[in-house]
Amino acid sequence: MYERMLDKQNEPTIAEMTTYCGENGELFTLLNEWLSQTYGTAQNVTFPYGNHYGWGITHRKK
């Protein structure tokens, strides 16, 4: 699955990203929920920093 997170052509779902985090998946989910609820942000899966960093979740104000 590591290769998929660096493949710009195949956008992962948030569930796949959570699974990728392994034992920290729950913390990943809690952090994203907290950011959305506390700051009213919308989550988007994005490939923001290029091939060395892969996919991430951005939080933007609505």
PDB file of N, CA and C in Angstrom:
ATOM      1  N   MET A   1       0.818  -1.195   0.000  1.00  0.00           N
ATOM      2  CA  MET A   1       0.000   0.000   0.000  1.00  0.00           C
ATOM      3  C   MET A   1       0.865   1.264   0.000  1.00  0.00           C
ATOM      4  N   TYR A   2       2.112   1.162   0.447  1.00  0.00           N
ATOM      5  CA  TYR A   2       3.001   2.316   0.492  1.00  0.00           C
ATOM      6  C   TYR A   2       3.103   2.982  -0.870  1.00  0.00           C
ATOM      7  N   GLU A   3       3.231   2.180  -1.922  1.00  0.00           N
ATOM      8  CA  GLU A   3       3.371   2.743  -3.256  1.00  0.00           C
ATOM      9  C   GLU A   3       2.133   3.556  -3.638  1.00  0.00           C
ATOM     10  N   ARG A   4       0.966   3.103  -3.226  1.00  0.00           N
ATOM     11  CA  ARG A   4      -0.261   3.793  -3.593  1.00  0.00           C
ATOM     12  C   ARG A   4      -0.293   5.209  -3.020  1.00  0.00           C
ATOM     13  N   MET A   5       0.246   5.416  -1.853  1.00  0.00           N
ATOM     14  CA  MET A   5       0.214   6.739  -1.244  1.00  0.00           C
ATOM     15  C   MET A   5       1.121   7.721  -1.984  1.00  0.00           C
ATOM     16  N   LEU A   6       2.016   7.224  -2.815  1.00  0.00           N
ATOM     17  CA  LEU A   6       2.877   8.102  -3.594  1.00  0.00           C
ATOM     18  C   LEU A   6       2.468   8.165  -5.062  1.00  0.00           C
ATOM     19  N   ASP A   7       1.448   7.415  -5.438  1.00  0.00           N
ATOM     20  CA  ASP A   7       0.983   7.379  -6.821  1.00  0.00           C
ATOM     21  C   ASP A   7      -0.044   8.474  -7.053  1.00  0.00           C
ATOM     22  N   LYS A   8       0.346   9.505  -7.757  1.00  0.00           N
ATOM     23  CA  LYS A   8      -0.518  10.662  -7.978  1.00  0.00           C
ATOM     24  C   LYS A   8      -1.753  10.319  -8.810  1.00  0.00           C
ATOM     25  N   GLN A   9      -1.701   9.230  -9.564  1.00  0.00           N
ATOM     26  CA  GLN A   9      -2.809   8.858 -10.440  1.00  0.00           C
ATOM     27  C   GLN A   9      -3.948   8.162  -9.699  1.00  0.00           C
ATOM     28  N   ASN A  10      -3.697   7.617  -8.507  1.00  0.00           N
ATOM     29  CA  ASN A  10      -4.702   6.874  -7.749  1.00  0.00           C
ATOM     30  C   ASN A  10      -4.970   7.553  -6.415  1.00  0.00           C
ATOM     31  N   GLU A  11      -6.014   8.351  -6.368  1.00  0.00           N
ATOM     32  CA  GLU A  11      -6.352   9.073  -5.138  1.00  0.00           C
ATOM     33  C   GLU A  11      -6.947   8.112  -4.111  1.00  0.00           C
ATOM     34  N   PRO A  12      -6.335   8.029  -2.914  1.00  0.00           N
ATOM     35  CA  PRO A  12      -6.875   7.148  -1.874  1.00  0.00           C
ATOM     36  C   PRO A  12      -8.084   7.785  -1.196  1.00  0.00           C
ATOM     37  N   THR A  13      -8.910   6.945  -0.602  1.00  0.00           N
ATOM     38  CA  THR A  13     -10.025   7.447   0.201  1.00  0.00           C
ATOM     39  C   THR A  13      -9.493   7.764   1.597  1.00  0.00           C
ATOM     40  N   ILE A  14     -10.286   8.479   2.372  1.00  0.00           N
ATOM     41  CA  ILE A  14      -9.885   8.772   3.748  1.00  0.00           C
ATOM     42  C   ILE A  14      -9.789   7.467   4.541  1.00  0.00           C
ATOM     43  N   ALA A  15     -10.679   6.514   4.250  1.00  0.00           N
ATOM     44  CA  ALA A  15     -10.629   5.217   4.930  1.00  0.00           C
ATOM     45  C   ALA A  15      -9.319   4.483   4.616  1.00  0.00           C
ATOM     46  N   GLU A  16      -8.861   4.541   3.381  1.00  0.00           N
ATOM     47  CA  GLU A  16      -7.596   3.911   3.015  1.00  0.00           C
ATOM     48  C   GLU A  16      -6.421   4.605   3.701  1.00  0.00           C
ATOM     49  N   MET A  17      -6.501   5.917   3.827  1.00  0.00           N
ATOM     50  CA  MET A  17      -5.436   6.648   4.510  1.00  0.00           C
ATOM     51  C   MET A  17      -5.396   6.279   5.990  1.00  0.00           C
ATOM     52  N   THR A  18      -6.563   6.110   6.584  1.00  0.00           N
ATOM     53  CA  THR A  18      -6.651   5.712   7.987  1.00  0.00           C
ATOM     54  C   THR A  18      -6.053   4.326   8.177  1.00  0.00           C
ATOM     55  N   THR A  19      -6.382   3.408   7.290  1.00  0.00           N
ATOM     56  CA  THR A  19      -5.824   2.056   7.350  1.00  0.00           C
ATOM     57  C   THR A  19      -4.315   2.093   7.202  1.00  0.00           C
ATOM     58  N   TYR A  20      -3.827   2.934   6.327  1.00  0.00           N
ATOM     59  CA  TYR A  20      -2.387   3.072   6.089  1.00  0.00           C
ATOM     60  C   TYR A  20      -1.653   3.500   7.366  1.00  0.00           C
ATOM     61  N   CYS A  21      -2.325   4.283   8.213  1.00  0.00           N
ATOM     62  CA  CYS A  21      -1.712   4.766   9.450  1.00  0.00           C
ATOM     63  C   CYS A  21      -1.534   3.661  10.484  1.00  0.00           C
ATOM     64  N   GLY A  22      -2.134   2.498  10.241  1.00  0.00           N
ATOM     65  CA  GLY A  22      -1.967   1.358  11.145  1.00  0.00           C
ATOM     66  C   GLY A  22      -2.504   1.641  12.530  1.00  0.00           C
ATOM     67  N   GLU A  23      -1.665   1.417  13.545  1.00  0.00           N
ATOM     68  CA  GLU A  23      -2.099   1.583  14.937  1.00  0.00           C
ATOM     69  C   GLU A  23      -2.418   3.035  15.283  1.00  0.00           C
ATOM     70  N   ASN A  24      -1.974   3.983  14.473  1.00  0.00           N
ATOM     71  CA  ASN A  24      -2.277   5.394  14.704  1.00  0.00           C
ATOM     72  C   ASN A  24      -3.481   5.879  13.899  1.00  0.00           C
ATOM     73  N   GLY A  25      -4.169   4.974  13.247  1.00  0.00           N
ATOM     74  CA  GLY A  25      -5.324   5.327  12.430  1.00  0.00           C
ATOM     75  C   GLY A  25      -6.412   6.046  13.215  1.00  0.00           C
ATOM     76  N   GLU A  26      -6.656   5.601  14.441  1.00  0.00           N
ATOM     77  CA  GLU A  26      -7.679   6.239  15.264  1.00  0.00           C
ATOM     78  C   GLU A  26      -7.288   7.681  15.591  1.00  0.00           C
ATOM     79  N   LEU A  27      -6.010   7.911  15.878  1.00  0.00           N
ATOM     80  CA  LEU A  27      -5.537   9.275  16.162  1.00  0.00           C
ATOM     81  C   LEU A  27      -5.669  10.161  14.922  1.00  0.00           C
ATOM     82  N   PHE A  28      -5.371   9.604  13.756  1.00  0.00           N
ATOM     83  CA  PHE A  28      -5.517  10.314  12.489  1.00  0.00           C
ATOM     84  C   PHE A  28      -6.969  10.762  12.295  1.00  0.00           C
ATOM     85  N   THR A  29      -7.899   9.854  12.549  1.00  0.00           N
ATOM     86  CA  THR A  29      -9.323  10.163  12.416  1.00  0.00           C
ATOM     87  C   THR A  29      -9.751  11.218  13.433  1.00  0.00           C
ATOM     88  N   LEU A  30      -9.334  11.051  14.674  1.00  0.00           N
ATOM     89  CA  LEU A  30      -9.707  12.008  15.723  1.00  0.00           C
ATOM     90  C   LEU A  30      -9.171  13.402  15.433  1.00  0.00           C
ATOM     91  N   LEU A  31      -7.944  13.491  14.949  1.00  0.00           N
ATOM     92  CA  LEU A  31      -7.360  14.787  14.618  1.00  0.00           C
ATOM     93  C   LEU A  31      -8.142  15.480  13.503  1.00  0.00           C
ATOM     94  N   ASN A  32      -8.465  14.739  12.448  1.00  0.00           N
ATOM     95  CA  ASN A  32      -9.213  15.326  11.345  1.00  0.00           C
ATOM     96  C   ASN A  32     -10.608  15.761  11.771  1.00  0.00           C
ATOM     97  N   GLU A  33     -11.273  14.955  12.596  1.00  0.00           N
ATOM     98  CA  GLU A  33     -12.599  15.332  13.102  1.00  0.00           C
ATOM     99  C   GLU A  33     -12.507  16.565  13.988  1.00  0.00           C
ATOM    100  N   TRP A  34     -11.492  16.622  14.848  1.00  0.00           N
ATOM    101  CA  TRP A  34     -11.327  17.765  15.745  1.00  0.00           C
ATOM    102  C   TRP A  34     -11.106  19.058  14.955  1.00  0.00           C
ATOM    103  N   LEU A  35     -10.245  18.992  13.954  1.00  0.00           N
ATOM    104  CA  LEU A  35      -9.999  20.174  13.126  1.00  0.00           C
ATOM    105  C   LEU A  35     -11.273  20.637  12.431  1.00  0.00           C
ATOM    106  N   SER A  36     -12.030  19.697  11.900  1.00  0.00           N
ATOM    107  CA  SER A  36     -13.266  20.042  11.201  1.00  0.00           C
ATOM    108  C   SER A  36     -14.291  20.667  12.142  1.00  0.00           C
ATOM    109  N   GLN A  37     -14.442  20.088  13.321  1.00  0.00           N
ATOM    110  CA  GLN A  37     -15.436  20.582  14.268  1.00  0.00           C
ATOM    111  C   GLN A  37     -15.009  21.882  14.946  1.00  0.00           C
ATOM    112  N   THR A  38     -13.771  21.973  15.353  1.00  0.00           N
ATOM    113  CA  THR A  38     -13.292  23.139  16.092  1.00  0.00           C
ATOM    114  C   THR A  38     -13.167  24.376  15.208  1.00  0.00           C
ATOM    115  N   TYR A  39     -12.661  24.202  14.010  1.00  0.00           N
ATOM    116  CA  TYR A  39     -12.401  25.343  13.142  1.00  0.00           C
ATOM    117  C   TYR A  39     -13.347  25.442  11.952  1.00  0.00           C
ATOM    118  N   GLY A  40     -14.296  24.517  11.852  1.00  0.00           N
ATOM    119  CA  GLY A  40     -15.266  24.561  10.756  1.00  0.00           C
ATOM    120  C   GLY A  40     -14.620  24.391   9.391  1.00  0.00           C
ATOM    121  N   THR A  41     -13.664  23.487   9.293  1.00  0.00           N
ATOM    122  CA  THR A  41     -12.965  23.290   8.029  1.00  0.00           C
ATOM    123  C   THR A  41     -13.594  22.161   7.219  1.00  0.00           C
ATOM    124  N   ALA A  42     -13.373  22.211   5.922  1.00  0.00           N
ATOM    125  CA  ALA A  42     -13.770  21.137   5.026  1.00  0.00           C
ATOM    126  C   ALA A  42     -12.519  20.320   4.694  1.00  0.00           C
ATOM    127  N   GLN A  43     -12.657  18.999   4.696  1.00  0.00           N
ATOM    128  CA  GLN A  43     -11.529  18.118   4.413  1.00  0.00           C
ATOM    129  C   GLN A  43     -11.483  17.786   2.927  1.00  0.00           C
ATOM    130  N   ASN A  44     -10.286  17.805   2.372  1.00  0.00           N
ATOM    131  CA  ASN A  44     -10.065  17.395   0.988  1.00  0.00           C
ATOM    132  C   ASN A  44      -8.811  16.547   0.927  1.00  0.00           C
ATOM    133  N   VAL A  45      -8.890  15.439   0.194  1.00  0.00           N
ATOM    134  CA  VAL A  45      -7.703  14.627  -0.052  1.00  0.00           C
ATOM    135  C   VAL A  45      -6.960  15.304  -1.197  1.00  0.00           C
ATOM    136  N   THR A  46      -5.664  15.543  -0.991  1.00  0.00           N
ATOM    137  CA  THR A  46      -4.888  16.271  -1.985  1.00  0.00           C
ATOM    138  C   THR A  46      -3.456  15.732  -2.064  1.00  0.00           C
ATOM    139  N   PHE A  47      -2.790  16.039  -3.138  1.00  0.00           N
ATOM    140  CA  PHE A  47      -1.391  15.659  -3.367  1.00  0.00           C
ATOM    141  C   PHE A  47      -0.575  16.951  -3.363  1.00  0.00           C
ATOM    142  N   PRO A  48      -0.398  17.561  -2.178  1.00  0.00           N
ATOM    143  CA  PRO A  48       0.074  18.945  -2.120  1.00  0.00           C
ATOM    144  C   PRO A  48       1.571  19.196  -2.290  1.00  0.00           C
ATOM    145  N   TYR A  49       2.410  18.254  -1.919  1.00  0.00           N
ATOM    146  CA  TYR A  49       3.833  18.583  -1.821  1.00  0.00           C
ATOM    147  C   TYR A  49       4.723  17.819  -2.783  1.00  0.00           C
ATOM    148  N   GLY A  50       4.157  17.102  -3.727  1.00  0.00           N
ATOM    149  CA  GLY A  50       4.966  16.401  -4.711  1.00  0.00           C
ATOM    150  C   GLY A  50       5.248  14.954  -4.371  1.00  0.00           C
ATOM    151  N   ASN A  51       6.056  14.350  -5.194  1.00  0.00           N
ATOM    152  CA  ASN A  51       6.281  12.904  -5.140  1.00  0.00           C
ATOM    153  C   ASN A  51       7.025  12.404  -3.912  1.00  0.00           C
ATOM    154  N   HIS A  52       7.670  13.266  -3.161  1.00  0.00           N
ATOM    155  CA  HIS A  52       8.411  12.812  -1.992  1.00  0.00           C
ATOM    156  C   HIS A  52       7.522  12.668  -0.763  1.00  0.00           C
ATOM    157  N   TYR A  53       6.358  13.298  -0.766  1.00  0.00           N
ATOM    158  CA  TYR A  53       5.501  13.300   0.419  1.00  0.00           C
ATOM    159  C   TYR A  53       4.174  12.596   0.201  1.00  0.00           C
ATOM    160  N   GLY A  54       3.686  12.533  -1.000  1.00  0.00           N
ATOM    161  CA  GLY A  54       2.462  11.800  -1.288  1.00  0.00           C
ATOM    162  C   GLY A  54       1.191  12.532  -0.899  1.00  0.00           C
ATOM    163  N   TRP A  55       0.155  11.743  -0.635  1.00  0.00           N
ATOM    164  CA  TRP A  55      -1.186  12.247  -0.380  1.00  0.00           C
ATOM    165  C   TRP A  55      -1.336  12.765   1.038  1.00  0.00           C
ATOM    166  N   GLY A  56      -2.227  13.723   1.217  1.00  0.00           N
ATOM    167  CA  GLY A  56      -2.527  14.271   2.527  1.00  0.00           C
ATOM    168  C   GLY A  56      -3.946  14.795   2.553  1.00  0.00           C
ATOM    169  N   ILE A  57      -4.353  15.263   3.691  1.00  0.00           N
ATOM    170  CA  ILE A  57      -5.678  15.862   3.845  1.00  0.00           C
ATOM    171  C   ILE A  57      -5.488  17.338   4.156  1.00  0.00           C
ATOM    172  N   THR A  58      -6.132  18.173   3.366  1.00  0.00           N
ATOM    173  CA  THR A  58      -6.102  19.611   3.646  1.00  0.00           C
ATOM    174  C   THR A  58      -7.375  19.988   4.377  1.00  0.00           C
ATOM    175  N   HIS A  59      -7.275  20.994   5.208  1.00  0.00           N
ATOM    176  CA  HIS A  59      -8.431  21.548   5.913  1.00  0.00           C
ATOM    177  C   HIS A  59      -8.532  23.007   5.510  1.00  0.00           C
ATOM    178  N   ARG A  60      -9.654  23.367   4.943  1.00  0.00           N
ATOM    179  CA  ARG A  60      -9.869  24.751   4.506  1.00  0.00           C
ATOM    180  C   ARG A  60     -11.187  25.253   5.073  1.00  0.00           C
ATOM    181  N   LYS A  61     -11.203  26.529   5.377  1.00  0.00           N
ATOM    182  CA  LYS A  61     -12.445  27.141   5.861  1.00  0.00           C
ATOM    183  C   LYS A  61     -13.489  27.100   4.765  1.00  0.00           C
ATOM    184  N   LYS A  62     -14.714  26.843   5.166  1.00  0.00           N
ATOM    185  CA  LYS A  62     -15.814  26.778   4.196  1.00  0.00           C
ATOM    186  C   LYS A  62     -16.152  28.131   3.652  1.00  0.00           C
TER     187      LYS A  62
END
